[in-house]
Structure formats: structure tokens, C-alpha cells
Amino acid sequence: MNRKYQIALSVAAVALLTACAAPMPSSADLDKLTQDILGRSFRAQGQAKLDRLSPDEDNRLCAESDRTGVALDAKVSAEIEARNMKTIKAPADGKYLGDFKEGEKIAQSGAGKTWTDAEGSVNGGNCYNCHQISKTELSYGTLGPSLYNYGKMRGVTNPNSAESKPIVEYTWGKIQNARAYNACSNMPRFAHKGILTEVQIKHVMALLLDPASPVNK
């Protein structure tokens, strides 16, 4: 749930309590009140489920660090990364790359995970929201690094070669669950959270690593 929205709800709750001449609530009281309001205000519909009101422990730790401005302890960060690394699975058929043309469609699409998206419908990756990827795309975000020439700059001339295996496996893991490599990464955990399927991730892999992809031209 958007943190700004939670803060706004908390502020509204404080104003209401103050108007009633009630004692100033503690931070814990405000958090509980906010969760109660959110719980009563939302319902499960389409792809939007109520589990998003209860973040997992890693999300909670990172959100708390972001809220307080206090960096996570190195040991805690390492534990988060280790937990998430265990979720990464190699492709069932051993093949990491799909069709880069399909990968571009997925990167362009921001569909999915809303109340109006029916269960079982295909999600997009919304990759351009945070990254530059294709040189021809003029609209892209800068929250993440540019991925243009991603494979070319890393010397991937044959994704199936032994020399390319480390970067291929790293990229696969990064897309599946970015927190395996960066405890509080802002990148969505595409496989871990069920945003993209294994086949879709293969297509995005091809977009980034296939030498024939326009990304690497």
C-alpha cells in the first residue's frame, strides 16, 4: 500500500482524535488505527488481493528503514538477501532466453495487478517505467539504470556459452527476485510475487541478452 496514503490516513486519524480532546496516540496506536481503516476500506477483487495490506517481513523491514531514514544493519540485509536467494529457480527446461520481440511487448506493458484485471489475465512488466531499454523508445523512467546495450556491454555474444553463464544466471535471478542481490531493491520481485510467468521472463531475458535484439545493436 502506498506509504503516502497511509500517512494521510494517520494524519486524519490524529486530527479526529485531537478534535475529540483525546490523548495524543502513540506511533503503535496510529499504525494499528491505519491498518484497521485500510482493512475496512478495501476488498479482494480481480487480481488485487488483501495480502497487499499485510506486507511480508522483508517488505516491512525495508519500509521501516525508508520511513525512519535508518539504513538496515548489514546482518539484516544479508539475511534478507539469503532468504530471497532461496526463491530463485532455474528455468524448468534449462533454456533462459525466449523471443526478444515478445520481450519488448512485455517491457512496454504496464497491465496487471489492479481491481479491474481479471484473475488469470496476462500482466506486463512495465520495465520502461524505471529503465531505458530500447534506443528508439523516447519515454522511459530513470529510477533504475539504463539497460540499453545490456548484453553487448557485458560481452554476451553467445548466451548459451560457458563464458556468458554467470551474467545470464544473474540476470535471470535479478528479474525473478531482485532482493536476492539488493535487500531493499525497488525493483518488483516478478517471479516471487507472481507478476510475470517463467515464459514471460524468458522473453524479457532475450530482449536484454540476445545479440539479435535491438537493445544490443
C-alpha atoms as a PDB file:
ATOM      1  CA  MET A   1       0.000   0.000   0.000  1.00  0.00           C
ATOM      2  CA  ASN A   2       1.271   3.487  -0.877  1.00  0.00           C
ATOM      3  CA  ARG A   3       3.092   4.925   2.135  1.00  0.00           C
ATOM      4  CA  LYS A   4       1.881   8.487   1.443  1.00  0.00           C
ATOM      5  CA  TYR A   5      -1.698   7.237   1.591  1.00  0.00           C
ATOM      6  CA  GLN A   6      -1.024   5.537   4.916  1.00  0.00           C
ATOM      7  CA  ILE A   7       0.490   8.744   6.287  1.00  0.00           C
ATOM      8  CA  ALA A   8      -2.538  10.745   5.104  1.00  0.00           C
ATOM      9  CA  LEU A   9      -4.857   8.337   6.888  1.00  0.00           C
ATOM     10  CA  SER A  10      -2.780   8.593  10.052  1.00  0.00           C
ATOM     11  CA  VAL A  11      -2.852  12.396   9.925  1.00  0.00           C
ATOM     12  CA  ALA A  12      -6.622  12.316   9.508  1.00  0.00           C
ATOM     13  CA  ALA A  13      -6.908   9.989  12.479  1.00  0.00           C
ATOM     14  CA  VAL A  14      -4.786  12.323  14.628  1.00  0.00           C
ATOM     15  CA  ALA A  15      -6.959  15.296  13.648  1.00  0.00           C
ATOM     16  CA  LEU A  16     -10.099  13.402  14.608  1.00  0.00           C
ATOM     17  CA  LEU A  17      -8.722  12.294  17.942  1.00  0.00           C
ATOM     18  CA  THR A  18      -7.419  15.772  18.722  1.00  0.00           C
ATOM     19  CA  ALA A  19     -10.787  17.303  17.936  1.00  0.00           C
ATOM     20  CA  CYS A  20     -12.315  14.947  20.491  1.00  0.00           C
ATOM     21  CA  ALA A  21      -9.769  16.091  23.105  1.00  0.00           C
ATOM     22  CA  ALA A  22      -8.327  12.573  23.290  1.00  0.00           C
ATOM     23  CA  PRO A  23      -4.715  11.998  24.444  1.00  0.00           C
ATOM     24  CA  MET A  24      -2.138  12.061  21.655  1.00  0.00           C
ATOM     25  CA  PRO A  25      -1.860   8.448  20.341  1.00  0.00           C
ATOM     26  CA  SER A  26       1.446   6.599  20.197  1.00  0.00           C
ATOM     27  CA  SER A  27       3.093   5.554  16.953  1.00  0.00           C
ATOM     28  CA  ALA A  28       1.935   1.991  17.572  1.00  0.00           C
ATOM     29  CA  ASP A  29      -1.646   3.214  18.094  1.00  0.00           C
ATOM     30  CA  LEU A  30      -1.508   5.132  14.815  1.00  0.00           C
ATOM     31  CA  ASP A  31      -0.155   2.124  12.932  1.00  0.00           C
ATOM     32  CA  LYS A  32      -2.942  -0.065  14.298  1.00  0.00           C
ATOM     33  CA  LEU A  33      -5.578   2.547  13.507  1.00  0.00           C
ATOM     34  CA  THR A  34      -4.250   2.914   9.965  1.00  0.00           C
ATOM     35  CA  GLN A  35      -4.328  -0.849   9.403  1.00  0.00           C
ATOM     36  CA  ASP A  36      -7.877  -1.015  10.774  1.00  0.00           C
ATOM     37  CA  ILE A  37      -9.013   1.725   8.372  1.00  0.00           C
ATOM     38  CA  LEU A  38      -7.294   0.073   5.421  1.00  0.00           C
ATOM     39  CA  GLY A  39      -8.767  -3.293   6.324  1.00  0.00           C
ATOM     40  CA  ARG A  40     -12.283  -1.864   6.322  1.00  0.00           C
ATOM     41  CA  SER A  41     -11.756   0.164   3.148  1.00  0.00           C
ATOM     42  CA  PHE A  42     -10.510  -2.499   0.741  1.00  0.00           C
ATOM     43  CA  ARG A  43     -11.841  -5.731  -0.682  1.00  0.00           C
ATOM     44  CA  ALA A  44     -10.380  -8.521  -2.784  1.00  0.00           C
ATOM     45  CA  GLN A  45     -11.342  -8.131  -6.424  1.00  0.00           C
ATOM     46  CA  GLY A  46      -9.767  -9.297  -9.667  1.00  0.00           C
ATOM     47  CA  GLN A  47      -6.004  -9.527  -9.285  1.00  0.00           C
ATOM     48  CA  ALA A  48      -5.985  -7.213  -6.253  1.00  0.00           C
ATOM     49  CA  LYS A  49      -5.945  -9.315  -3.096  1.00  0.00           C
ATOM     50  CA  LEU A  50      -5.934  -8.347   0.553  1.00  0.00           C
ATOM     51  CA  ASP A  51      -2.468  -9.825   1.079  1.00  0.00           C
ATOM     52  CA  ARG A  52      -1.063  -6.499  -0.118  1.00  0.00           C
ATOM     53  CA  LEU A  53      -2.347  -4.984   3.157  1.00  0.00           C
ATOM     54  CA  SER A  54      -0.031  -7.324   5.059  1.00  0.00           C
ATOM     55  CA  PRO A  55       3.500  -6.925   3.678  1.00  0.00           C
ATOM     56  CA  ASP A  56       5.927  -9.800   4.185  1.00  0.00           C
ATOM     57  CA  GLU A  57       8.722  -9.397   6.709  1.00  0.00           C
ATOM     58  CA  ASP A  58      11.254  -8.211   4.136  1.00  0.00           C
ATOM     59  CA  ASN A  59       8.894  -5.525   2.848  1.00  0.00           C
ATOM     60  CA  ARG A  60       8.164  -4.474   6.412  1.00  0.00           C
ATOM     61  CA  LEU A  61      11.841  -4.140   7.300  1.00  0.00           C
ATOM     62  CA  CYS A  62      12.639  -2.145   4.162  1.00  0.00           C
ATOM     63  CA  ALA A  63       9.596   0.099   4.557  1.00  0.00           C
ATOM     64  CA  GLU A  64      10.575   0.835   8.145  1.00  0.00           C
ATOM     65  CA  SER A  65      14.112   1.693   7.053  1.00  0.00           C
ATOM     66  CA  ASP A  66      12.730   4.005   4.365  1.00  0.00           C
ATOM     67  CA  ARG A  67      10.332   5.654   6.819  1.00  0.00           C
ATOM     68  CA  THR A  68      12.933   6.296   9.513  1.00  0.00           C
ATOM     69  CA  GLY A  69      15.901   7.000   7.251  1.00  0.00           C
ATOM     70  CA  VAL A  70      17.955   4.468   9.210  1.00  0.00           C
ATOM     71  CA  ALA A  71      19.819   2.009   6.999  1.00  0.00           C
ATOM     72  CA  LEU A  72      19.371  -1.663   7.697  1.00  0.00           C
ATOM     73  CA  ASP A  73      22.027  -3.413   9.724  1.00  0.00           C
ATOM     74  CA  ALA A  74      24.434  -5.297   7.445  1.00  0.00           C
ATOM     75  CA  LYS A  75      23.474  -8.592   9.067  1.00  0.00           C
ATOM     76  CA  VAL A  76      19.755  -7.949   8.487  1.00  0.00           C
ATOM     77  CA  SER A  77      20.427  -7.022   4.846  1.00  0.00           C
ATOM     78  CA  ALA A  78      22.401 -10.228   4.359  1.00  0.00           C
ATOM     79  CA  GLU A  79      19.589 -12.263   5.892  1.00  0.00           C
ATOM     80  CA  ILE A  80      17.013 -10.666   3.561  1.00  0.00           C
ATOM     81  CA  GLU A  81      19.181 -11.406   0.530  1.00  0.00           C
ATOM     82  CA  ALA A  82      19.757 -15.001   1.643  1.00  0.00           C
ATOM     83  CA  ARG A  83      16.023 -15.596   2.160  1.00  0.00           C
ATOM     84  CA  ASN A  84      15.178 -14.239  -1.257  1.00  0.00           C
ATOM     85  CA  MET A  85      18.027 -16.079  -2.986  1.00  0.00           C
ATOM     86  CA  LYS A  86      16.381 -19.342  -1.932  1.00  0.00           C
ATOM     87  CA  THR A  87      13.300 -18.469  -4.014  1.00  0.00           C
ATOM     88  CA  ILE A  88      15.204 -18.273  -7.319  1.00  0.00           C
ATOM     89  CA  LYS A  89      14.676 -21.256  -9.601  1.00  0.00           C
ATOM     90  CA  ALA A  90      16.346 -22.084 -12.895  1.00  0.00           C
ATOM     91  CA  PRO A  91      14.023 -22.479 -15.904  1.00  0.00           C
ATOM     92  CA  ALA A  92      12.349 -25.874 -15.941  1.00  0.00           C
ATOM     93  CA  ASP A  93      13.678 -26.717 -19.417  1.00  0.00           C
ATOM     94  CA  GLY A  94      17.120 -25.205 -18.845  1.00  0.00           C
ATOM     95  CA  LYS A  95      16.564 -22.538 -21.503  1.00  0.00           C
ATOM     96  CA  TYR A  96      16.917 -18.933 -20.324  1.00  0.00           C
ATOM     97  CA  LEU A  97      16.039 -16.947 -23.453  1.00  0.00           C
ATOM     98  CA  GLY A  98      12.785 -16.632 -25.363  1.00  0.00           C
ATOM     99  CA  ASP A  99      11.711 -14.184 -28.088  1.00  0.00           C
ATOM    100  CA  PHE A 100      13.031 -10.621 -27.771  1.00  0.00           C
ATOM    101  CA  LYS A 101      10.076  -9.276 -29.774  1.00  0.00           C
ATOM    102  CA  GLU A 102       7.711 -10.625 -27.154  1.00  0.00           C
ATOM    103  CA  GLY A 103      10.062  -9.260 -24.502  1.00  0.00           C
ATOM    104  CA  GLU A 104       9.658  -5.746 -25.896  1.00  0.00           C
ATOM    105  CA  LYS A 105       5.861  -6.056 -25.663  1.00  0.00           C
ATOM    106  CA  ILE A 106       6.134  -7.135 -22.035  1.00  0.00           C
ATOM    107  CA  ALA A 107       8.553  -4.305 -21.240  1.00  0.00           C
ATOM    108  CA  GLN A 108       6.122  -1.795 -22.761  1.00  0.00           C
ATOM    109  CA  SER A 109       3.034  -3.103 -20.964  1.00  0.00           C
ATOM    110  CA  GLY A 110       2.002  -1.880 -17.530  1.00  0.00           C
ATOM    111  CA  ALA A 111      -1.112  -4.046 -17.359  1.00  0.00           C
ATOM    112  CA  GLY A 112      -1.974  -6.137 -14.336  1.00  0.00           C
ATOM    113  CA  LYS A 113      -2.442  -6.342 -10.561  1.00  0.00           C
ATOM    114  CA  THR A 114      -5.406  -3.974 -10.320  1.00  0.00           C
ATOM    115  CA  TRP A 115      -9.050  -4.489  -9.345  1.00  0.00           C
ATOM    116  CA  THR A 116     -10.102  -4.347 -13.000  1.00  0.00           C
ATOM    117  CA  ASP A 117      -7.657  -7.071 -14.107  1.00  0.00           C
ATOM    118  CA  ALA A 118      -9.384 -10.447 -14.103  1.00  0.00           C
ATOM    119  CA  GLU A 119      -7.670 -13.355 -12.405  1.00  0.00           C
ATOM    120  CA  GLY A 120      -5.596 -15.289 -14.894  1.00  0.00           C
ATOM    121  CA  SER A 121      -5.133 -12.356 -17.271  1.00  0.00           C
ATOM    122  CA  VAL A 122      -1.630 -11.609 -18.536  1.00  0.00           C
ATOM    123  CA  ASN A 123       0.435  -8.974 -16.735  1.00  0.00           C
ATOM    124  CA  GLY A 124       3.031  -6.676 -18.207  1.00  0.00           C
ATOM    125  CA  GLY A 125       6.487  -5.925 -16.848  1.00  0.00           C
ATOM    126  CA  ASN A 126       6.247  -2.120 -17.097  1.00  0.00           C
ATOM    127  CA  CYS A 127      10.044  -2.116 -17.467  1.00  0.00           C
ATOM    128  CA  TYR A 128      10.178   1.267 -19.207  1.00  0.00           C
ATOM    129  CA  ASN A 129       8.664   2.849 -16.130  1.00  0.00           C
ATOM    130  CA  CYS A 130      12.108   2.635 -14.498  1.00  0.00           C
ATOM    131  CA  HIS A 131      14.639   1.892 -17.269  1.00  0.00           C
ATOM    132  CA  GLN A 132      15.825   2.972 -20.651  1.00  0.00           C
ATOM    133  CA  ILE A 133      15.940  -0.183 -22.775  1.00  0.00           C
ATOM    134  CA  SER A 134      15.436   0.336 -26.483  1.00  0.00           C
ATOM    135  CA  LYS A 135      17.176   3.274 -28.121  1.00  0.00           C
ATOM    136  CA  THR A 136      14.058   4.040 -30.150  1.00  0.00           C
ATOM    137  CA  GLU A 137      11.833   4.452 -27.073  1.00  0.00           C
ATOM    138  CA  LEU A 138      11.747   8.122 -26.045  1.00  0.00           C
ATOM    139  CA  SER A 139       9.611   7.736 -22.920  1.00  0.00           C
ATOM    140  CA  TYR A 140      11.226   5.903 -20.001  1.00  0.00           C
ATOM    141  CA  GLY A 141      11.929   6.311 -16.311  1.00  0.00           C
ATOM    142  CA  THR A 142      15.269   6.791 -14.607  1.00  0.00           C
ATOM    143  CA  LEU A 143      14.638   5.166 -11.233  1.00  0.00           C
ATOM    144  CA  GLY A 144      16.711   2.225 -12.447  1.00  0.00           C
ATOM    145  CA  PRO A 145      19.866   2.183 -14.598  1.00  0.00           C
ATOM    146  CA  SER A 146      19.788   2.245 -18.380  1.00  0.00           C
ATOM    147  CA  LEU A 147      19.610  -1.269 -19.832  1.00  0.00           C
ATOM    148  CA  TYR A 148      20.435  -0.226 -23.391  1.00  0.00           C
ATOM    149  CA  ASN A 149      23.255  -2.432 -24.733  1.00  0.00           C
ATOM    150  CA  TYR A 150      22.848  -4.578 -21.608  1.00  0.00           C
ATOM    151  CA  GLY A 151      24.178  -7.781 -23.157  1.00  0.00           C
ATOM    152  CA  LYS A 152      26.626  -6.098 -25.510  1.00  0.00           C
ATOM    153  CA  MET A 153      28.388  -4.183 -22.724  1.00  0.00           C
ATOM    154  CA  ARG A 154      28.748  -7.431 -20.780  1.00  0.00           C
ATOM    155  CA  GLY A 155      30.295  -9.296 -23.695  1.00  0.00           C
ATOM    156  CA  VAL A 156      27.386 -11.665 -24.303  1.00  0.00           C
ATOM    157  CA  THR A 157      27.902 -12.742 -27.896  1.00  0.00           C
ATOM    158  CA  ASN A 158      26.538 -16.244 -27.312  1.00  0.00           C
ATOM    159  CA  PRO A 159      24.105 -16.521 -24.377  1.00  0.00           C
ATOM    160  CA  ASN A 160      24.495 -20.313 -24.385  1.00  0.00           C
ATOM    161  CA  SER A 161      28.266 -20.260 -23.913  1.00  0.00           C
ATOM    162  CA  ALA A 162      30.047 -21.069 -20.664  1.00  0.00           C
ATOM    163  CA  GLU A 163      31.544 -17.571 -20.647  1.00  0.00           C
ATOM    164  CA  SER A 164      28.081 -15.986 -20.644  1.00  0.00           C
ATOM    165  CA  LYS A 165      26.612 -18.291 -17.988  1.00  0.00           C
ATOM    166  CA  PRO A 166      27.356 -16.053 -14.952  1.00  0.00           C
ATOM    167  CA  ILE A 167      25.676 -12.936 -16.392  1.00  0.00           C
ATOM    168  CA  VAL A 168      22.787 -14.977 -17.827  1.00  0.00           C
ATOM    169  CA  GLU A 169      22.091 -16.601 -14.448  1.00  0.00           C
ATOM    170  CA  TYR A 170      22.496 -13.290 -12.604  1.00  0.00           C
ATOM    171  CA  THR A 171      20.051 -11.532 -14.936  1.00  0.00           C
ATOM    172  CA  TRP A 172      17.561 -14.372 -14.566  1.00  0.00           C
ATOM    173  CA  GLY A 173      17.779 -14.172 -10.773  1.00  0.00           C
ATOM    174  CA  LYS A 174      17.569 -10.382 -10.752  1.00  0.00           C
ATOM    175  CA  ILE A 175      14.326 -10.421 -12.736  1.00  0.00           C
ATOM    176  CA  GLN A 176      12.867 -13.239 -10.645  1.00  0.00           C
ATOM    177  CA  ASN A 177      13.647 -11.681  -7.277  1.00  0.00           C
ATOM    178  CA  ALA A 178      15.820  -8.558  -7.109  1.00  0.00           C
ATOM    179  CA  ARG A 179      16.048  -8.677  -3.322  1.00  0.00           C
ATOM    180  CA  ALA A 180      18.325 -11.680  -3.599  1.00  0.00           C
ATOM    181  CA  TYR A 181      21.015  -9.219  -4.707  1.00  0.00           C
ATOM    182  CA  ASN A 182      19.927  -5.973  -3.046  1.00  0.00           C
ATOM    183  CA  ALA A 183      17.972  -6.307   0.207  1.00  0.00           C
ATOM    184  CA  CYS A 184      15.742  -3.271  -0.291  1.00  0.00           C
ATOM    185  CA  SER A 185      15.723  -3.065  -4.072  1.00  0.00           C
ATOM    186  CA  ASN A 186      12.863  -1.039  -5.546  1.00  0.00           C
ATOM    187  CA  MET A 187      12.626  -3.488  -8.431  1.00  0.00           C
ATOM    188  CA  PRO A 188       9.496  -5.684  -8.387  1.00  0.00           C
ATOM    189  CA  ARG A 189      10.045  -9.337  -7.496  1.00  0.00           C
ATOM    190  CA  PHE A 190       8.497 -10.502 -10.765  1.00  0.00           C
ATOM    191  CA  ALA A 191       8.512 -14.270 -10.221  1.00  0.00           C
ATOM    192  CA  HIS A 192       8.345 -14.291  -6.426  1.00  0.00           C
ATOM    193  CA  LYS A 193       5.209 -12.148  -6.451  1.00  0.00           C
ATOM    194  CA  GLY A 194       3.633 -13.844  -9.464  1.00  0.00           C
ATOM    195  CA  ILE A 195       3.766 -10.784 -11.702  1.00  0.00           C
ATOM    196  CA  LEU A 196       5.412 -12.467 -14.698  1.00  0.00           C
ATOM    197  CA  THR A 197       5.401 -16.114 -15.729  1.00  0.00           C
ATOM    198  CA  GLU A 198       8.545 -18.100 -16.455  1.00  0.00           C
ATOM    199  CA  VAL A 199       7.869 -17.802 -20.192  1.00  0.00           C
ATOM    200  CA  GLN A 200       7.464 -14.030 -19.936  1.00  0.00           C
ATOM    201  CA  ILE A 201      10.729 -13.719 -18.018  1.00  0.00           C
ATOM    202  CA  LYS A 202      12.456 -15.690 -20.782  1.00  0.00           C
ATOM    203  CA  HIS A 203      11.189 -13.166 -23.329  1.00  0.00           C
ATOM    204  CA  VAL A 204      12.497 -10.237 -21.259  1.00  0.00           C
ATOM    205  CA  MET A 205      15.815 -12.077 -20.921  1.00  0.00           C
ATOM    206  CA  ALA A 206      16.008 -12.291 -24.715  1.00  0.00           C
ATOM    207  CA  LEU A 207      15.291  -8.574 -25.012  1.00  0.00           C
ATOM    208  CA  LEU A 208      18.284  -7.857 -22.762  1.00  0.00           C
ATOM    209  CA  LEU A 209      20.748 -10.561 -23.806  1.00  0.00           C
ATOM    210  CA  ASP A 210      20.022 -11.820 -27.316  1.00  0.00           C
ATOM    211  CA  PRO A 211      22.695 -10.331 -29.650  1.00  0.00           C
ATOM    212  CA  ALA A 212      19.974 -10.013 -32.299  1.00  0.00           C
ATOM    213  CA  SER A 213      17.815  -7.860 -30.030  1.00  0.00           C
ATOM    214  CA  PRO A 214      17.704  -4.151 -30.977  1.00  0.00           C
ATOM    215  CA  VAL A 215      18.769  -3.466 -27.387  1.00  0.00           C
ATOM    216  CA  ASN A 216      22.229  -4.810 -28.246  1.00  0.00           C
ATOM    217  CA  LYS A 217      22.623  -3.179 -31.671  1.00  0.00           C
END
